[in-house]
């Protein structure tokens, strides 16, 4: 069988040697290879026109459209999942950074002799944590 290399050769194959199973397989490969998803969408629209003019069976078009839709949805779900993971990673790093800043503020206020309750209010850290920091300072001295 001929090896399809791109969207244009897929068009020629569909015209010259129509085989829905081969077209389905090649559409999956093109989707994975082709960066321009608009071009793939145009290819699917071309198949829709073939169906509309009864040049291919409706069930064949439905099969190709389902392949395209499933691949597109899978890609979009993967992109969404990656973006969520990146945001969670960023948020976690941001929280760690803010927590580190609050601990640094608490250390400075403890060194200046401020009361635990006031340090907790200013830094946003719980009283128990301020007490632990205070004990850590005493132990280090």
N, C-alpha and C. Protein backbone atom coordinates (compact mmCIF):
# COMPACT_ATOMS: atom_id res chain seq x y z
N UNK A 1 0.84 -1.19 0.00
CA UNK A 1 0.00 0.00 0.00
C UNK A 1 0.88 1.25 0.00
N UNK A 2 0.38 2.30 -0.52
CA UNK A 2 1.11 3.57 -0.57
C UNK A 2 1.19 4.18 0.83
N UNK A 3 2.26 4.87 1.08
CA UNK A 3 2.41 5.55 2.36
C UNK A 3 2.02 7.02 2.21
N UNK A 4 1.07 7.46 3.00
CA UNK A 4 0.63 8.85 2.93
C UNK A 4 1.60 9.69 3.75
N UNK A 5 2.02 10.80 3.20
CA UNK A 5 3.00 11.64 3.87
C UNK A 5 2.39 12.90 4.48
N UNK A 6 1.29 13.40 3.89
CA UNK A 6 0.72 14.65 4.39
C UNK A 6 -0.75 14.77 4.00
N UNK A 7 -1.33 15.90 4.30
CA UNK A 7 -2.75 16.13 4.03
C UNK A 7 -3.04 16.11 2.54
N UNK A 8 -2.19 16.71 1.74
CA UNK A 8 -2.42 16.76 0.29
C UNK A 8 -2.44 15.35 -0.29
N UNK A 9 -1.49 14.52 0.12
CA UNK A 9 -1.48 13.16 -0.41
C UNK A 9 -2.70 12.37 0.07
N UNK A 10 -3.24 12.73 1.22
CA UNK A 10 -4.48 12.11 1.70
C UNK A 10 -5.64 12.45 0.77
N UNK A 11 -5.66 13.69 0.33
CA UNK A 11 -6.71 14.10 -0.61
C UNK A 11 -6.61 13.29 -1.90
N UNK A 12 -5.39 13.13 -2.43
CA UNK A 12 -5.21 12.36 -3.65
C UNK A 12 -5.60 10.89 -3.44
N UNK A 13 -5.23 10.34 -2.29
CA UNK A 13 -5.56 8.97 -2.00
C UNK A 13 -7.08 8.78 -1.95
N UNK A 14 -7.77 9.70 -1.29
CA UNK A 14 -9.22 9.60 -1.19
C UNK A 14 -9.88 9.65 -2.56
N UNK A 15 -9.30 10.43 -3.46
CA UNK A 15 -9.86 10.55 -4.81
C UNK A 15 -9.52 9.32 -5.67
N UNK A 16 -8.28 8.85 -5.58
CA UNK A 16 -7.82 7.81 -6.49
C UNK A 16 -8.05 6.39 -5.96
N UNK A 17 -7.90 6.20 -4.68
CA UNK A 17 -7.96 4.84 -4.10
C UNK A 17 -8.70 4.93 -2.76
N UNK A 18 -10.00 5.00 -2.83
CA UNK A 18 -10.80 5.21 -1.63
C UNK A 18 -10.87 3.93 -0.80
N UNK A 19 -10.31 4.03 0.42
CA UNK A 19 -10.34 2.91 1.37
C UNK A 19 -10.50 3.53 2.76
N UNK A 20 -11.69 3.39 3.34
CA UNK A 20 -11.99 4.08 4.60
C UNK A 20 -11.07 3.61 5.73
N UNK A 21 -10.72 2.34 5.75
CA UNK A 21 -9.84 1.86 6.83
C UNK A 21 -8.45 2.48 6.71
N UNK A 22 -7.94 2.56 5.49
CA UNK A 22 -6.64 3.20 5.28
C UNK A 22 -6.72 4.69 5.60
N UNK A 23 -7.78 5.35 5.15
CA UNK A 23 -7.95 6.77 5.45
C UNK A 23 -8.05 7.02 6.95
N UNK A 24 -8.75 6.16 7.66
CA UNK A 24 -8.88 6.30 9.12
C UNK A 24 -7.52 6.21 9.79
N UNK A 25 -6.76 5.20 9.40
CA UNK A 25 -5.42 5.00 9.97
C UNK A 25 -4.52 6.21 9.68
N UNK A 26 -4.56 6.66 8.45
CA UNK A 26 -3.70 7.77 8.05
C UNK A 26 -4.13 9.08 8.72
N UNK A 27 -5.43 9.25 8.91
CA UNK A 27 -5.90 10.46 9.59
C UNK A 27 -5.35 10.52 11.01
N UNK A 28 -5.33 9.38 11.69
CA UNK A 28 -4.75 9.34 13.04
C UNK A 28 -3.27 9.72 13.01
N UNK A 29 -2.55 9.18 12.04
CA UNK A 29 -1.12 9.49 11.93
C UNK A 29 -0.89 10.96 11.58
N UNK A 30 -1.70 11.48 10.66
CA UNK A 30 -1.57 12.89 10.29
C UNK A 30 -1.85 13.78 11.48
N UNK A 31 -2.86 13.44 12.26
CA UNK A 31 -3.21 14.24 13.43
C UNK A 31 -2.03 14.31 14.39
N UNK A 32 -1.35 13.19 14.58
CA UNK A 32 -0.20 13.17 15.49
C UNK A 32 1.00 13.91 14.90
N UNK A 33 1.16 13.88 13.59
CA UNK A 33 2.31 14.48 12.93
C UNK A 33 2.13 15.95 12.60
N UNK A 34 0.96 16.30 12.16
CA UNK A 34 0.68 17.65 11.63
C UNK A 34 0.51 18.64 12.77
N UNK A 35 1.26 19.71 12.74
CA UNK A 35 1.15 20.75 13.75
C UNK A 35 -0.02 21.69 13.49
N UNK A 36 -0.36 21.88 12.23
CA UNK A 36 -1.42 22.80 11.85
C UNK A 36 -2.77 22.08 11.93
N UNK A 37 -3.40 22.17 13.09
CA UNK A 37 -4.69 21.48 13.30
C UNK A 37 -5.79 22.12 12.46
N UNK A 38 -5.62 23.34 12.04
CA UNK A 38 -6.60 23.98 11.15
C UNK A 38 -6.64 23.24 9.82
N UNK A 39 -5.48 22.85 9.33
CA UNK A 39 -5.41 22.12 8.07
C UNK A 39 -6.14 20.78 8.19
N UNK A 40 -6.01 20.12 9.32
CA UNK A 40 -6.71 18.86 9.54
C UNK A 40 -8.21 19.10 9.58
N UNK A 41 -8.61 20.17 10.23
CA UNK A 41 -10.03 20.53 10.29
C UNK A 41 -10.57 20.77 8.88
N UNK A 42 -9.79 21.43 8.05
CA UNK A 42 -10.19 21.67 6.65
C UNK A 42 -10.32 20.35 5.88
N UNK A 43 -9.43 19.42 6.18
CA UNK A 43 -9.50 18.10 5.55
C UNK A 43 -10.82 17.42 5.93
N UNK A 44 -11.19 17.47 7.18
CA UNK A 44 -12.45 16.89 7.64
C UNK A 44 -13.62 17.59 6.95
N UNK A 45 -13.54 18.91 6.80
CA UNK A 45 -14.60 19.64 6.09
C UNK A 45 -14.68 19.20 4.63
N UNK A 46 -13.54 18.91 4.03
CA UNK A 46 -13.53 18.43 2.66
C UNK A 46 -14.27 17.10 2.57
N UNK A 47 -14.01 16.21 3.55
CA UNK A 47 -14.74 14.94 3.58
C UNK A 47 -16.23 15.17 3.79
N UNK A 48 -16.59 16.19 4.56
CA UNK A 48 -18.00 16.52 4.76
C UNK A 48 -18.64 16.91 3.42
N UNK A 49 -17.88 17.65 2.61
CA UNK A 49 -18.40 18.03 1.28
C UNK A 49 -18.58 16.79 0.39
N UNK A 50 -17.63 15.87 0.49
CA UNK A 50 -17.76 14.63 -0.28
C UNK A 50 -19.02 13.88 0.15
N UNK A 51 -19.27 13.85 1.44
CA UNK A 51 -20.48 13.20 1.94
C UNK A 51 -21.73 13.93 1.45
N UNK A 52 -21.69 15.24 1.54
CA UNK A 52 -22.85 16.05 1.13
C UNK A 52 -23.21 15.79 -0.34
N UNK A 53 -22.19 15.59 -1.16
CA UNK A 53 -22.41 15.35 -2.59
C UNK A 53 -22.48 13.85 -2.91
N UNK A 54 -22.62 13.05 -1.85
CA UNK A 54 -22.79 11.60 -1.95
C UNK A 54 -21.63 10.91 -2.68
N UNK A 55 -20.43 11.44 -2.50
CA UNK A 55 -19.25 10.81 -3.10
C UNK A 55 -18.61 9.82 -2.14
N UNK A 56 -18.95 9.94 -0.85
CA UNK A 56 -18.55 8.93 0.13
C UNK A 56 -19.76 8.63 1.00
N UNK A 57 -19.83 7.41 1.53
CA UNK A 57 -20.97 7.06 2.39
C UNK A 57 -20.97 7.87 3.69
N UNK A 58 -22.15 8.15 4.17
CA UNK A 58 -22.28 8.94 5.40
C UNK A 58 -21.58 8.26 6.58
N UNK A 59 -21.69 6.92 6.66
CA UNK A 59 -21.07 6.20 7.78
C UNK A 59 -19.54 6.36 7.75
N UNK A 60 -18.96 6.46 6.55
CA UNK A 60 -17.51 6.66 6.44
C UNK A 60 -17.12 8.05 6.96
N UNK A 61 -17.90 9.03 6.55
CA UNK A 61 -17.61 10.39 7.04
C UNK A 61 -17.74 10.42 8.56
N UNK A 62 -18.79 9.80 9.09
CA UNK A 62 -18.99 9.78 10.54
C UNK A 62 -17.79 9.16 11.25
N UNK A 63 -17.24 8.11 10.66
CA UNK A 63 -16.07 7.45 11.24
C UNK A 63 -14.88 8.40 11.28
N UNK A 64 -14.62 9.10 10.16
CA UNK A 64 -13.49 10.04 10.10
C UNK A 64 -13.70 11.21 11.07
N UNK A 65 -14.93 11.71 11.12
CA UNK A 65 -15.22 12.82 12.03
C UNK A 65 -15.05 12.40 13.49
N UNK A 66 -15.47 11.18 13.81
CA UNK A 66 -15.33 10.67 15.18
C UNK A 66 -13.85 10.56 15.56
N UNK A 67 -13.03 10.07 14.63
CA UNK A 67 -11.59 9.97 14.87
C UNK A 67 -11.02 11.36 15.17
N UNK A 68 -11.37 12.32 14.32
CA UNK A 68 -10.88 13.69 14.50
C UNK A 68 -11.34 14.26 15.83
N UNK A 69 -12.62 14.11 16.13
CA UNK A 69 -13.19 14.68 17.36
C UNK A 69 -12.55 14.05 18.59
N UNK A 70 -12.41 12.72 18.59
CA UNK A 70 -11.80 12.04 19.74
C UNK A 70 -10.36 12.48 19.95
N UNK A 71 -9.61 12.59 18.87
CA UNK A 71 -8.21 13.03 18.98
C UNK A 71 -8.14 14.47 19.48
N UNK A 72 -9.00 15.33 18.93
CA UNK A 72 -9.00 16.74 19.33
C UNK A 72 -9.37 16.87 20.81
N UNK A 73 -10.41 16.13 21.24
CA UNK A 73 -10.82 16.20 22.63
C UNK A 73 -9.73 15.67 23.56
N UNK A 74 -9.09 14.57 23.15
CA UNK A 74 -8.00 14.01 23.97
C UNK A 74 -6.86 15.01 24.09
N UNK A 75 -6.53 15.67 22.99
CA UNK A 75 -5.46 16.68 23.02
C UNK A 75 -5.84 17.84 23.94
N UNK A 76 -7.07 18.32 23.82
CA UNK A 76 -7.51 19.44 24.65
C UNK A 76 -7.55 19.05 26.13
N UNK A 77 -7.98 17.81 26.43
CA UNK A 77 -7.99 17.35 27.82
C UNK A 77 -6.57 17.27 28.36
N UNK A 78 -5.64 16.80 27.55
CA UNK A 78 -4.25 16.72 27.97
C UNK A 78 -3.67 18.10 28.22
N UNK A 79 -3.95 19.04 27.33
CA UNK A 79 -3.47 20.41 27.51
C UNK A 79 -4.05 21.02 28.78
N UNK A 80 -5.34 20.81 29.02
CA UNK A 80 -5.99 21.33 30.22
C UNK A 80 -5.36 20.72 31.47
N UNK A 81 -5.13 19.41 31.45
CA UNK A 81 -4.52 18.74 32.60
C UNK A 81 -3.11 19.27 32.87
N UNK A 82 -2.35 19.48 31.80
CA UNK A 82 -0.98 20.01 31.96
C UNK A 82 -1.02 21.42 32.53
N UNK A 83 -1.94 22.25 32.02
CA UNK A 83 -2.06 23.62 32.53
C UNK A 83 -2.45 23.63 34.00
N UNK A 84 -3.38 22.75 34.39
CA UNK A 84 -3.77 22.67 35.80
C UNK A 84 -2.60 22.25 36.67
N UNK A 85 -1.84 21.27 36.19
CA UNK A 85 -0.67 20.79 36.94
C UNK A 85 0.37 21.90 37.07
N UNK A 86 0.60 22.64 36.00
CA UNK A 86 1.55 23.75 36.05
C UNK A 86 1.08 24.81 37.05
N UNK A 87 -0.21 25.12 37.02
CA UNK A 87 -0.75 26.13 37.94
C UNK A 87 -0.64 25.65 39.38
N UNK A 88 -0.94 24.37 39.62
CA UNK A 88 -0.81 23.83 40.98
C UNK A 88 0.64 23.89 41.45
N UNK A 89 1.57 23.56 40.55
CA UNK A 89 2.99 23.63 40.89
C UNK A 89 3.40 25.07 41.21
N UNK A 90 2.93 26.00 40.37
CA UNK A 90 3.22 27.42 40.60
C UNK A 90 2.63 27.90 41.93
N UNK A 91 1.36 27.54 42.17
CA UNK A 91 0.69 27.93 43.41
C UNK A 91 1.41 27.38 44.63
N UNK A 92 1.84 26.11 44.54
CA UNK A 92 2.55 25.50 45.66
C UNK A 92 3.86 26.24 45.92
N UNK A 93 4.58 26.55 44.85
CA UNK A 93 5.83 27.28 45.01
C UNK A 93 5.60 28.67 45.57
N UNK A 94 4.52 29.31 45.13
CA UNK A 94 4.19 30.65 45.62
C UNK A 94 3.84 30.60 47.10
N UNK A 95 3.06 29.57 47.50
CA UNK A 95 2.69 29.42 48.92
C UNK A 95 3.93 29.19 49.76
N UNK A 96 4.84 28.34 49.26
CA UNK A 96 6.08 28.07 49.99
C UNK A 96 6.89 29.36 50.14
N UNK A 97 6.95 30.14 49.07
CA UNK A 97 7.69 31.39 49.12
C UNK A 97 7.08 32.37 50.11
N UNK A 98 5.76 32.48 50.11
CA UNK A 98 5.08 33.37 51.05
C UNK A 98 5.28 32.89 52.48
N UNK A 99 5.20 31.59 52.67
CA UNK A 99 5.40 31.03 54.02
C UNK A 99 6.82 31.34 54.50
N UNK A 100 7.77 31.17 53.61
CA UNK A 100 9.17 31.46 53.96
C UNK A 100 9.32 32.93 54.36
N UNK A 101 8.67 33.81 53.60
CA UNK A 101 8.72 35.24 53.92
C UNK A 101 8.12 35.51 55.31
N UNK A 102 6.98 34.87 55.60
CA UNK A 102 6.34 35.08 56.90
C UNK A 102 7.22 34.59 58.05
N UNK A 103 7.90 33.48 57.82
CA UNK A 103 8.81 32.96 58.85
C UNK A 103 9.97 33.92 59.06
N UNK A 104 10.48 34.49 57.97
CA UNK A 104 11.58 35.46 58.09
C UNK A 104 11.13 36.70 58.88
N UNK A 105 9.92 37.16 58.59
CA UNK A 105 9.37 38.31 59.33
C UNK A 105 9.25 37.96 60.80
N UNK A 106 8.72 36.77 61.09
CA UNK A 106 8.57 36.35 62.49
C UNK A 106 9.92 36.29 63.19
N UNK A 107 10.93 35.77 62.53
CA UNK A 107 12.28 35.72 63.12
C UNK A 107 12.78 37.12 63.48
N UNK A 108 12.60 38.05 62.55
CA UNK A 108 13.06 39.42 62.80
C UNK A 108 12.31 40.05 63.97
N UNK A 109 11.00 39.82 64.03
CA UNK A 109 10.21 40.40 65.12
C UNK A 109 10.56 39.75 66.46
N UNK A 110 10.83 38.46 66.45
CA UNK A 110 11.25 37.77 67.67
C UNK A 110 12.60 38.33 68.15
N UNK A 111 13.50 38.56 67.22
CA UNK A 111 14.81 39.11 67.56
C UNK A 111 14.69 40.51 68.18
N UNK A 112 13.64 41.24 67.80
CA UNK A 112 13.42 42.60 68.33
C UNK A 112 12.63 42.57 69.64
N UNK A 113 12.19 41.35 70.06
CA UNK A 113 11.51 41.23 71.33
C UNK A 113 10.00 41.44 71.31
N UNK A 114 9.37 41.40 70.15
CA UNK A 114 7.91 41.57 70.07
C UNK A 114 7.20 40.39 70.71
N UNK A 115 5.98 40.62 71.16
CA UNK A 115 5.16 39.59 71.78
C UNK A 115 4.68 38.58 70.72
N UNK A 116 4.48 37.36 71.15
CA UNK A 116 4.06 36.26 70.27
C UNK A 116 2.75 36.59 69.54
N UNK A 117 1.75 37.09 70.26
CA UNK A 117 0.45 37.39 69.65
C UNK A 117 0.58 38.45 68.56
N UNK A 118 1.40 39.48 68.80
CA UNK A 118 1.60 40.53 67.81
C UNK A 118 2.34 39.99 66.58
N UNK A 119 3.33 39.14 66.82
CA UNK A 119 4.07 38.54 65.71
C UNK A 119 3.14 37.68 64.86
N UNK A 120 2.28 36.91 65.54
CA UNK A 120 1.33 36.06 64.83
C UNK A 120 0.39 36.92 63.98
N UNK A 121 -0.06 38.03 64.53
CA UNK A 121 -0.97 38.92 63.79
C UNK A 121 -0.27 39.54 62.58
N UNK A 122 0.94 39.98 62.75
CA UNK A 122 1.68 40.63 61.66
C UNK A 122 2.10 39.63 60.58
N UNK A 123 2.62 38.48 61.01
CA UNK A 123 3.15 37.50 60.05
C UNK A 123 2.09 36.60 59.45
N UNK A 124 0.97 36.45 60.13
CA UNK A 124 -0.07 35.54 59.65
C UNK A 124 0.20 34.09 60.02
N UNK A 125 1.25 33.86 60.81
CA UNK A 125 1.55 32.51 61.27
C UNK A 125 0.78 32.22 62.56
N UNK A 126 0.44 30.96 62.82
CA UNK A 126 -0.26 30.62 64.07
C UNK A 126 0.64 30.81 65.29
N UNK A 127 0.01 31.09 66.44
CA UNK A 127 0.76 31.28 67.70
C UNK A 127 1.69 30.11 67.99
N UNK A 128 1.19 28.88 67.77
CA UNK A 128 2.00 27.69 68.05
C UNK A 128 3.30 27.69 67.23
N UNK A 129 3.19 28.12 66.00
CA UNK A 129 4.39 28.15 65.16
C UNK A 129 5.37 29.21 65.64
N UNK A 130 4.84 30.35 66.10
CA UNK A 130 5.72 31.40 66.64
C UNK A 130 6.44 30.87 67.86
N UNK A 131 5.72 30.10 68.67
CA UNK A 131 6.34 29.53 69.88
C UNK A 131 7.46 28.55 69.49
N UNK A 132 7.25 27.76 68.46
CA UNK A 132 8.29 26.83 67.99
C UNK A 132 9.51 27.60 67.50
N UNK A 133 9.25 28.68 66.76
CA UNK A 133 10.37 29.50 66.27
C UNK A 133 11.13 30.10 67.44
N UNK A 134 10.38 30.54 68.45
CA UNK A 134 10.98 31.14 69.65
C UNK A 134 11.85 30.12 70.37
N UNK A 135 11.36 28.90 70.51
CA UNK A 135 12.13 27.83 71.14
C UNK A 135 13.38 27.52 70.34
N UNK A 136 13.25 27.52 69.01
CA UNK A 136 14.39 27.26 68.13
C UNK A 136 15.48 28.32 68.29
N UNK A 137 15.07 29.57 68.49
CA UNK A 137 16.04 30.66 68.69
C UNK A 137 16.75 30.46 70.01
N UNK A 138 16.00 30.11 71.07
CA UNK A 138 16.60 29.89 72.38
C UNK A 138 17.57 28.73 72.35
N UNK A 139 17.21 27.65 71.65
CA UNK A 139 18.06 26.47 71.57
C UNK A 139 19.36 26.78 70.83
N UNK A 140 19.25 27.63 69.80
CA UNK A 140 20.43 27.98 68.99
C UNK A 140 21.39 28.88 69.77
N UNK A 141 20.86 29.57 70.78
CA UNK A 141 21.73 30.50 71.52
C UNK A 141 22.51 29.82 72.56
